[in-house]
Amino acid sequence: MRYTIDSIYPEKERKLFTNREVELAILDKNTEKILDNSGENICFIGLRRVGKSLTLKEYISRLDRNKIFAVYMDFERLDTTPEFFAVQ
């Protein structure tokens, strides 16, 4: 079965991911807390092109899909028209 993350995080992009294990560990710990009903929302804030989206895509690709379902939306690409947003 092909998952959505596979279509937005191709192998070429995966090769760019490097050493964000600390950030991935923080996300993993918070995910476990969410499953225990004690997690909190996390917001990635930073300058453009520093790896926020890449880190999130990598994390989603590593998730146990039997335990949790994650959604990735690139709002920068969806801000054109309501029709385009609905289709995407």
PDB file of N, CA and C in Angstrom:
ATOM      1  N   MET A   1       0.840  -1.183   0.000  1.00  0.00           N
ATOM      2  CA  MET A   1       0.000   0.000   0.000  1.00  0.00           C
ATOM      3  C   MET A   1       0.885   1.246   0.000  1.00  0.00           C
ATOM      4  N   ARG A   2       0.547   2.201  -0.825  1.00  0.00           N
ATOM      5  CA  ARG A   2       1.323   3.438  -0.904  1.00  0.00           C
ATOM      6  C   ARG A   2       0.698   4.490  -0.001  1.00  0.00           C
ATOM      7  N   TYR A   3       1.510   5.109   0.821  1.00  0.00           N
ATOM      8  CA  TYR A   3       1.041   6.123   1.746  1.00  0.00           C
ATOM      9  C   TYR A   3       1.304   7.510   1.170  1.00  0.00           C
ATOM     10  N   THR A   4       0.530   8.473   1.611  1.00  0.00           N
ATOM     11  CA  THR A   4       0.639   9.839   1.129  1.00  0.00           C
ATOM     12  C   THR A   4       2.043  10.391   1.313  1.00  0.00           C
ATOM     13  N   ILE A   5       2.677  10.112   2.434  1.00  0.00           N
ATOM     14  CA  ILE A   5       4.010  10.660   2.694  1.00  0.00           C
ATOM     15  C   ILE A   5       4.995  10.220   1.618  1.00  0.00           C
ATOM     16  N   ASP A   6       4.802   9.027   1.072  1.00  0.00           N
ATOM     17  CA  ASP A   6       5.706   8.549   0.027  1.00  0.00           C
ATOM     18  C   ASP A   6       5.621   9.408  -1.229  1.00  0.00           C
ATOM     19  N   SER A   7       4.463   9.981  -1.485  1.00  0.00           N
ATOM     20  CA  SER A   7       4.323  10.806  -2.685  1.00  0.00           C
ATOM     21  C   SER A   7       4.854  12.225  -2.481  1.00  0.00           C
ATOM     22  N   ILE A   8       4.905  12.711  -1.243  1.00  0.00           N
ATOM     23  CA  ILE A   8       5.417  14.065  -1.005  1.00  0.00           C
ATOM     24  C   ILE A   8       6.841  14.072  -0.446  1.00  0.00           C
ATOM     25  N   TYR A   9       7.374  12.894  -0.203  1.00  0.00           N
ATOM     26  CA  TYR A   9       8.736  12.782   0.334  1.00  0.00           C
ATOM     27  C   TYR A   9       9.491  11.710  -0.455  1.00  0.00           C
ATOM     28  N   PRO A  10       9.830  12.021  -1.714  1.00  0.00           N
ATOM     29  CA  PRO A  10      10.477  11.037  -2.576  1.00  0.00           C
ATOM     30  C   PRO A  10      11.907  10.709  -2.135  1.00  0.00           C
ATOM     31  N   GLU A  11      12.430   9.637  -2.671  1.00  0.00           N
ATOM     32  CA  GLU A  11      13.769   9.160  -2.317  1.00  0.00           C
ATOM     33  C   GLU A  11      14.836  10.239  -2.507  1.00  0.00           C
ATOM     34  N   LYS A  12      14.727  11.031  -3.546  1.00  0.00           N
ATOM     35  CA  LYS A  12      15.695  12.102  -3.812  1.00  0.00           C
ATOM     36  C   LYS A  12      15.724  13.103  -2.655  1.00  0.00           C
ATOM     37  N   GLU A  13      14.564  13.415  -2.123  1.00  0.00           N
ATOM     38  CA  GLU A  13      14.480  14.361  -1.007  1.00  0.00           C
ATOM     39  C   GLU A  13      14.947  13.707   0.290  1.00  0.00           C
ATOM     40  N   ARG A  14      14.679  12.419   0.444  1.00  0.00           N
ATOM     41  CA  ARG A  14      15.104  11.697   1.651  1.00  0.00           C
ATOM     42  C   ARG A  14      16.622  11.693   1.803  1.00  0.00           C
ATOM     43  N   LYS A  15      17.318  11.692   0.696  1.00  0.00           N
ATOM     44  CA  LYS A  15      18.781  11.690   0.740  1.00  0.00           C
ATOM     45  C   LYS A  15      19.339  12.994   1.291  1.00  0.00           C
ATOM     46  N   LEU A  16      18.535  14.061   1.280  1.00  0.00           N
ATOM     47  CA  LEU A  16      18.976  15.350   1.805  1.00  0.00           C
ATOM     48  C   LEU A  16      18.929  15.417   3.329  1.00  0.00           C
ATOM     49  N   PHE A  17      18.168  14.516   3.939  1.00  0.00           N
ATOM     50  CA  PHE A  17      17.992  14.554   5.387  1.00  0.00           C
ATOM     51  C   PHE A  17      19.285  14.168   6.090  1.00  0.00           C
ATOM     52  N   THR A  18      19.722  15.031   7.020  1.00  0.00           N
ATOM     53  CA  THR A  18      20.941  14.746   7.768  1.00  0.00           C
ATOM     54  C   THR A  18      20.803  15.170   9.226  1.00  0.00           C
ATOM     55  N   ASN A  19      21.205  14.320  10.108  1.00  0.00           N
ATOM     56  CA  ASN A  19      21.428  14.563  11.523  1.00  0.00           C
ATOM     57  C   ASN A  19      20.467  15.534  12.215  1.00  0.00           C
ATOM     58  N   ARG A  20      19.219  15.174  12.263  1.00  0.00           N
ATOM     59  CA  ARG A  20      18.241  15.920  13.050  1.00  0.00           C
ATOM     60  C   ARG A  20      17.649  14.978  14.105  1.00  0.00           C
ATOM     61  N   GLU A  21      18.495  14.109  14.625  1.00  0.00           N
ATOM     62  CA  GLU A  21      18.031  13.087  15.564  1.00  0.00           C
ATOM     63  C   GLU A  21      17.474  13.689  16.849  1.00  0.00           C
ATOM     64  N   VAL A  22      18.015  14.817  17.304  1.00  0.00           N
ATOM     65  CA  VAL A  22      17.499  15.459  18.518  1.00  0.00           C
ATOM     66  C   VAL A  22      16.060  15.913  18.293  1.00  0.00           C
ATOM     67  N   GLU A  23      15.835  16.575  17.158  1.00  0.00           N
ATOM     68  CA  GLU A  23      14.494  17.051  16.846  1.00  0.00           C
ATOM     69  C   GLU A  23      13.524  15.888  16.675  1.00  0.00           C
ATOM     70  N   LEU A  24      13.981  14.812  16.022  1.00  0.00           N
ATOM     71  CA  LEU A  24      13.136  13.637  15.838  1.00  0.00           C
ATOM     72  C   LEU A  24      12.806  12.985  17.189  1.00  0.00           C
ATOM     73  N   ALA A  25      13.753  12.977  18.105  1.00  0.00           N
ATOM     74  CA  ALA A  25      13.514  12.417  19.433  1.00  0.00           C
ATOM     75  C   ALA A  25      12.471  13.235  20.196  1.00  0.00           C
ATOM     76  N   ILE A  26      12.531  14.558  20.055  1.00  0.00           N
ATOM     77  CA  ILE A  26      11.534  15.415  20.708  1.00  0.00           C
ATOM     78  C   ILE A  26      10.149  15.119  20.153  1.00  0.00           C
ATOM     79  N   LEU A  27      10.058  15.000  18.837  1.00  0.00           N
ATOM     80  CA  LEU A  27       8.771  14.684  18.213  1.00  0.00           C
ATOM     81  C   LEU A  27       8.273  13.306  18.644  1.00  0.00           C
ATOM     82  N   ASP A  28       9.184  12.340  18.713  1.00  0.00           N
ATOM     83  CA  ASP A  28       8.810  10.990  19.124  1.00  0.00           C
ATOM     84  C   ASP A  28       8.289  10.968  20.560  1.00  0.00           C
ATOM     85  N   LYS A  29       8.976  11.679  21.441  1.00  0.00           N
ATOM     86  CA  LYS A  29       8.554  11.737  22.836  1.00  0.00           C
ATOM     87  C   LYS A  29       7.175  12.382  22.965  1.00  0.00           C
ATOM     88  N   ASN A  30       6.948  13.457  22.212  1.00  0.00           N
ATOM     89  CA  ASN A  30       5.647  14.121  22.263  1.00  0.00           C
ATOM     90  C   ASN A  30       4.551  13.233  21.676  1.00  0.00           C
ATOM     91  N   THR A  31       4.882  12.471  20.641  1.00  0.00           N
ATOM     92  CA  THR A  31       3.895  11.549  20.064  1.00  0.00           C
ATOM     93  C   THR A  31       3.470  10.511  21.092  1.00  0.00           C
ATOM     94  N   GLU A  32       4.437   9.979  21.835  1.00  0.00           N
ATOM     95  CA  GLU A  32       4.097   9.019  22.891  1.00  0.00           C
ATOM     96  C   GLU A  32       3.196   9.666  23.934  1.00  0.00           C
ATOM     97  N   LYS A  33       3.466  10.928  24.277  1.00  0.00           N
ATOM     98  CA  LYS A  33       2.615  11.636  25.235  1.00  0.00           C
ATOM     99  C   LYS A  33       1.211  11.849  24.677  1.00  0.00           C
ATOM    100  N   ILE A  34       1.125  12.144  23.385  1.00  0.00           N
ATOM    101  CA  ILE A  34      -0.197  12.305  22.758  1.00  0.00           C
ATOM    102  C   ILE A  34      -0.984  11.004  22.874  1.00  0.00           C
ATOM    103  N   LEU A  35      -0.322   9.887  22.651  1.00  0.00           N
ATOM    104  CA  LEU A  35      -0.994   8.590  22.773  1.00  0.00           C
ATOM    105  C   LEU A  35      -1.446   8.320  24.206  1.00  0.00           C
ATOM    106  N   ASP A  36      -0.767   8.961  25.185  1.00  0.00           N
ATOM    107  CA  ASP A  36      -1.149   8.846  26.593  1.00  0.00           C
ATOM    108  C   ASP A  36      -2.055   9.995  27.042  1.00  0.00           C
ATOM    109  N   ASN A  37      -2.522  10.790  26.069  1.00  0.00           N
ATOM    110  CA  ASN A  37      -3.403  11.944  26.343  1.00  0.00           C
ATOM    111  C   ASN A  37      -2.743  13.043  27.163  1.00  0.00           C
ATOM    112  N   SER A  38      -1.435  13.200  27.053  1.00  0.00           N
ATOM    113  CA  SER A  38      -0.767  14.283  27.772  1.00  0.00           C
ATOM    114  C   SER A  38       0.165  15.099  26.874  1.00  0.00           C
ATOM    115  N   GLY A  39       0.143  14.845  25.580  1.00  0.00           N
ATOM    116  CA  GLY A  39       1.010  15.572  24.655  1.00  0.00           C
ATOM    117  C   GLY A  39       0.505  16.967  24.378  1.00  0.00           C
ATOM    118  N   GLU A  40       1.341  17.762  23.759  1.00  0.00           N
ATOM    119  CA  GLU A  40       0.990  19.136  23.432  1.00  0.00           C
ATOM    120  C   GLU A  40       1.263  19.396  21.958  1.00  0.00           C
ATOM    121  N   ASN A  41       0.675  20.469  21.456  1.00  0.00           N
ATOM    122  CA  ASN A  41       0.943  20.873  20.083  1.00  0.00           C
ATOM    123  C   ASN A  41       2.369  21.376  19.970  1.00  0.00           C
ATOM    124  N   ILE A  42       2.967  21.120  18.827  1.00  0.00           N
ATOM    125  CA  ILE A  42       4.316  21.589  18.556  1.00  0.00           C
ATOM    126  C   ILE A  42       4.269  22.441  17.304  1.00  0.00           C
ATOM    127  N   CYS A  43       4.981  23.550  17.327  1.00  0.00           N
ATOM    128  CA  CYS A  43       5.045  24.460  16.188  1.00  0.00           C
ATOM    129  C   CYS A  43       6.496  24.601  15.761  1.00  0.00           C
ATOM    130  N   PHE A  44       6.759  24.382  14.492  1.00  0.00           N
ATOM    131  CA  PHE A  44       8.097  24.589  13.945  1.00  0.00           C
ATOM    132  C   PHE A  44       8.171  26.022  13.432  1.00  0.00           C
ATOM    133  N   ILE A  45       9.094  26.792  13.969  1.00  0.00           N
ATOM    134  CA  ILE A  45       9.297  28.166  13.526  1.00  0.00           C
ATOM    135  C   ILE A  45      10.763  28.336  13.169  1.00  0.00           C
ATOM    136  N   GLY A  46      11.017  28.946  12.036  1.00  0.00           N
ATOM    137  CA  GLY A  46      12.403  29.179  11.641  1.00  0.00           C
ATOM    138  C   GLY A  46      12.477  29.857  10.295  1.00  0.00           C
ATOM    139  N   LEU A  47      13.658  30.258   9.940  1.00  0.00           N
ATOM    140  CA  LEU A  47      13.878  30.885   8.649  1.00  0.00           C
ATOM    141  C   LEU A  47      13.577  29.912   7.518  1.00  0.00           C
ATOM    142  N   ARG A  48      13.359  30.446   6.347  1.00  0.00           N
ATOM    143  CA  ARG A  48      13.129  29.605   5.177  1.00  0.00           C
ATOM    144  C   ARG A  48      14.367  28.759   4.890  1.00  0.00           C
ATOM    145  N   ARG A  49      14.109  27.534   4.416  1.00  0.00           N
ATOM    146  CA  ARG A  49      15.146  26.651   3.914  1.00  0.00           C
ATOM    147  C   ARG A  49      16.148  26.181   4.975  1.00  0.00           C
ATOM    148  N   VAL A  50      15.680  26.017   6.222  1.00  0.00           N
ATOM    149  CA  VAL A  50      16.574  25.491   7.259  1.00  0.00           C
ATOM    150  C   VAL A  50      16.269  24.031   7.589  1.00  0.00           C
ATOM    151  N   GLY A  51      15.223  23.471   6.982  1.00  0.00           N
ATOM    152  CA  GLY A  51      14.942  22.052   7.162  1.00  0.00           C
ATOM    153  C   GLY A  51      13.719  21.705   7.990  1.00  0.00           C
ATOM    154  N   LYS A  52      12.823  22.653   8.218  1.00  0.00           N
ATOM    155  CA  LYS A  52      11.622  22.378   9.025  1.00  0.00           C
ATOM    156  C   LYS A  52      10.744  21.314   8.360  1.00  0.00           C
ATOM    157  N   SER A  53      10.412  21.529   7.109  1.00  0.00           N
ATOM    158  CA  SER A  53       9.547  20.582   6.398  1.00  0.00           C
ATOM    159  C   SER A  53      10.225  19.237   6.211  1.00  0.00           C
ATOM    160  N   LEU A  54      11.495  19.254   5.885  1.00  0.00           N
ATOM    161  CA  LEU A  54      12.232  18.012   5.681  1.00  0.00           C
ATOM    162  C   LEU A  54      12.267  17.185   6.967  1.00  0.00           C
ATOM    163  N   THR A  55      12.471  17.847   8.101  1.00  0.00           N
ATOM    164  CA  THR A  55      12.482  17.149   9.385  1.00  0.00           C
ATOM    165  C   THR A  55      11.114  16.540   9.676  1.00  0.00           C
ATOM    166  N   LEU A  56      10.067  17.288   9.424  1.00  0.00           N
ATOM    167  CA  LEU A  56       8.725  16.782   9.666  1.00  0.00           C
ATOM    168  C   LEU A  56       8.379  15.623   8.735  1.00  0.00           C
ATOM    169  N   LYS A  57       8.736  15.736   7.478  1.00  0.00           N
ATOM    170  CA  LYS A  57       8.480  14.640   6.536  1.00  0.00           C
ATOM    171  C   LYS A  57       9.244  13.384   6.941  1.00  0.00           C
ATOM    172  N   GLU A  58      10.489  13.554   7.373  1.00  0.00           N
ATOM    173  CA  GLU A  58      11.276  12.403   7.823  1.00  0.00           C
ATOM    174  C   GLU A  58      10.616  11.741   9.025  1.00  0.00           C
ATOM    175  N   TYR A  59      10.145  12.575   9.950  1.00  0.00           N
ATOM    176  CA  TYR A  59       9.493  12.020  11.135  1.00  0.00           C
ATOM    177  C   TYR A  59       8.231  11.248  10.760  1.00  0.00           C
ATOM    178  N   ILE A  60       7.422  11.830   9.908  1.00  0.00           N
ATOM    179  CA  ILE A  60       6.185  11.162   9.491  1.00  0.00           C
ATOM    180  C   ILE A  60       6.503   9.853   8.786  1.00  0.00           C
ATOM    181  N   SER A  61       7.565   9.835   7.993  1.00  0.00           N
ATOM    182  CA  SER A  61       7.912   8.602   7.278  1.00  0.00           C
ATOM    183  C   SER A  61       8.348   7.493   8.231  1.00  0.00           C
ATOM    184  N   ARG A  62       8.832   7.853   9.420  1.00  0.00           N
ATOM    185  CA  ARG A  62       9.285   6.854  10.398  1.00  0.00           C
ATOM    186  C   ARG A  62       8.189   6.385  11.352  1.00  0.00           C
ATOM    187  N   LEU A  63       7.047   7.038  11.336  1.00  0.00           N
ATOM    188  CA  LEU A  63       5.987   6.694  12.284  1.00  0.00           C
ATOM    189  C   LEU A  63       5.460   5.287  12.069  1.00  0.00           C
ATOM    190  N   ASP A  64       5.062   4.664  13.142  1.00  0.00           N
ATOM    191  CA  ASP A  64       4.364   3.384  13.077  1.00  0.00           C
ATOM    192  C   ASP A  64       2.922   3.684  12.677  1.00  0.00           C
ATOM    193  N   ARG A  65       2.585   3.389  11.440  1.00  0.00           N
ATOM    194  CA  ARG A  65       1.274   3.749  10.917  1.00  0.00           C
ATOM    195  C   ARG A  65       0.137   2.975  11.579  1.00  0.00           C
ATOM    196  N   ASN A  66       0.482   1.965  12.344  1.00  0.00           N
ATOM    197  CA  ASN A  66      -0.553   1.228  13.083  1.00  0.00           C
ATOM    198  C   ASN A  66      -0.899   1.913  14.400  1.00  0.00           C
ATOM    199  N   LYS A  67      -0.026   2.818  14.867  1.00  0.00           N
ATOM    200  CA  LYS A  67      -0.256   3.505  16.141  1.00  0.00           C
ATOM    201  C   LYS A  67      -0.819   4.899  15.972  1.00  0.00           C
ATOM    202  N   ILE A  68      -0.390   5.602  14.931  1.00  0.00           N
ATOM    203  CA  ILE A  68      -0.768   7.007  14.787  1.00  0.00           C
ATOM    204  C   ILE A  68      -0.842   7.376  13.303  1.00  0.00           C
ATOM    205  N   PHE A  69      -1.752   8.273  13.002  1.00  0.00           N
ATOM    206  CA  PHE A  69      -1.932   8.758  11.637  1.00  0.00           C
ATOM    207  C   PHE A  69      -1.537  10.226  11.604  1.00  0.00           C
ATOM    208  N   ALA A  70      -0.615  10.582  10.754  1.00  0.00           N
ATOM    209  CA  ALA A  70      -0.146  11.966  10.664  1.00  0.00           C
ATOM    210  C   ALA A  70      -0.524  12.550   9.309  1.00  0.00           C
ATOM    211  N   VAL A  71      -0.760  13.847   9.304  1.00  0.00           N
ATOM    212  CA  VAL A  71      -1.119  14.558   8.079  1.00  0.00           C
ATOM    213  C   VAL A  71      -0.102  15.668   7.859  1.00  0.00           C
ATOM    214  N   TYR A  72       0.374  15.783   6.631  1.00  0.00           N
ATOM    215  CA  TYR A  72       1.286  16.868   6.262  1.00  0.00           C
ATOM    216  C   TYR A  72       0.602  17.721   5.208  1.00  0.00           C
ATOM    217  N   MET A  73       0.516  19.020   5.464  1.00  0.00           N
ATOM    218  CA  MET A  73      -0.068  19.940   4.490  1.00  0.00           C
ATOM    219  C   MET A  73       0.895  21.099   4.271  1.00  0.00           C
ATOM    220  N   ASP A  74       1.206  21.369   3.018  1.00  0.00           N
ATOM    221  CA  ASP A  74       2.066  22.495   2.667  1.00  0.00           C
ATOM    222  C   ASP A  74       1.154  23.668   2.320  1.00  0.00           C
ATOM    223  N   PHE A  75       0.900  24.526   3.291  1.00  0.00           N
ATOM    224  CA  PHE A  75      -0.033  25.635   3.091  1.00  0.00           C
ATOM    225  C   PHE A  75       0.486  26.669   2.112  1.00  0.00           C
ATOM    226  N   GLU A  76       1.777  26.748   1.944  1.00  0.00           N
ATOM    227  CA  GLU A  76       2.328  27.701   0.977  1.00  0.00           C
ATOM    228  C   GLU A  76       1.841  27.370  -0.425  1.00  0.00           C
ATOM    229  N   ARG A  77       1.716  26.097  -0.722  1.00  0.00           N
ATOM    230  CA  ARG A  77       1.267  25.671  -2.049  1.00  0.00           C
ATOM    231  C   ARG A  77      -0.252  25.701  -2.175  1.00  0.00           C
ATOM    232  N   LEU A  78      -0.972  25.804  -1.071  1.00  0.00           N
ATOM    233  CA  LEU A  78      -2.431  25.714  -1.106  1.00  0.00           C
ATOM    234  C   LEU A  78      -3.136  27.047  -0.939  1.00  0.00           C
ATOM    235  N   ASP A  79      -2.415  28.142  -1.009  1.00  0.00           N
ATOM    236  CA  ASP A  79      -3.030  29.430  -0.714  1.00  0.00           C
ATOM    237  C   ASP A  79      -3.579  30.161  -1.936  1.00  0.00           C
ATOM    238  N   THR A  80      -3.834  29.469  -3.007  1.00  0.00           N
ATOM    239  CA  THR A  80      -4.276  30.146  -4.219  1.00  0.00           C
ATOM    240  C   THR A  80      -5.786  30.394  -4.229  1.00  0.00           C
ATOM    241  N   THR A  81      -6.562  29.364  -4.457  1.00  0.00           N
ATOM    242  CA  THR A  81      -8.021  29.526  -4.499  1.00  0.00           C
ATOM    243  C   THR A  81      -8.670  28.458  -3.626  1.00  0.00           C
ATOM    244  N   PRO A  82      -9.893  28.692  -3.171  1.00  0.00           N
ATOM    245  CA  PRO A  82     -10.586  27.671  -2.383  1.00  0.00           C
ATOM    246  C   PRO A  82     -10.770  26.369  -3.154  1.00  0.00           C
ATOM    247  N   GLU A  83     -10.991  26.478  -4.463  1.00  0.00           N
ATOM    248  CA  GLU A  83     -11.177  25.270  -5.279  1.00  0.00           C
ATOM    249  C   GLU A  83      -9.898  24.431  -5.314  1.00  0.00           C
ATOM    250  N   PHE A  84      -8.758  25.091  -5.523  1.00  0.00           N
ATOM    251  CA  PHE A  84      -7.487  24.388  -5.556  1.00  0.00           C
ATOM    252  C   PHE A  84      -7.185  23.762  -4.192  1.00  0.00           C
ATOM    253  N   PHE A  85      -7.464  24.503  -3.128  1.00  0.00           N
ATOM    254  CA  PHE A  85      -7.270  23.993  -1.774  1.00  0.00           C
ATOM    255  C   PHE A  85      -8.094  22.726  -1.553  1.00  0.00           C
ATOM    256  N   ALA A  86      -9.361  22.762  -1.961  1.00  0.00           N
ATOM    257  CA  ALA A  86     -10.243  21.607  -1.764  1.00  0.00           C
ATOM    258  C   ALA A  86      -9.755  20.387  -2.532  1.00  0.00           C
ATOM    259  N   VAL A  87      -9.271  20.586  -3.728  1.00  0.00           N
ATOM    260  CA  VAL A  87      -8.789  19.466  -4.539  1.00  0.00           C
ATOM    261  C   VAL A  87      -7.525  18.880  -3.936  1.00  0.00           C
ATOM    262  N   GLN A  88      -6.614  19.733  -3.501  1.00  0.00           N
ATOM    263  CA  GLN A  88      -5.368  19.264  -2.934  1.00  0.00           C
ATOM    264  C   GLN A  88      -5.581  18.600  -1.609  1.00  0.00           C
TER     265      GLN A  88
END
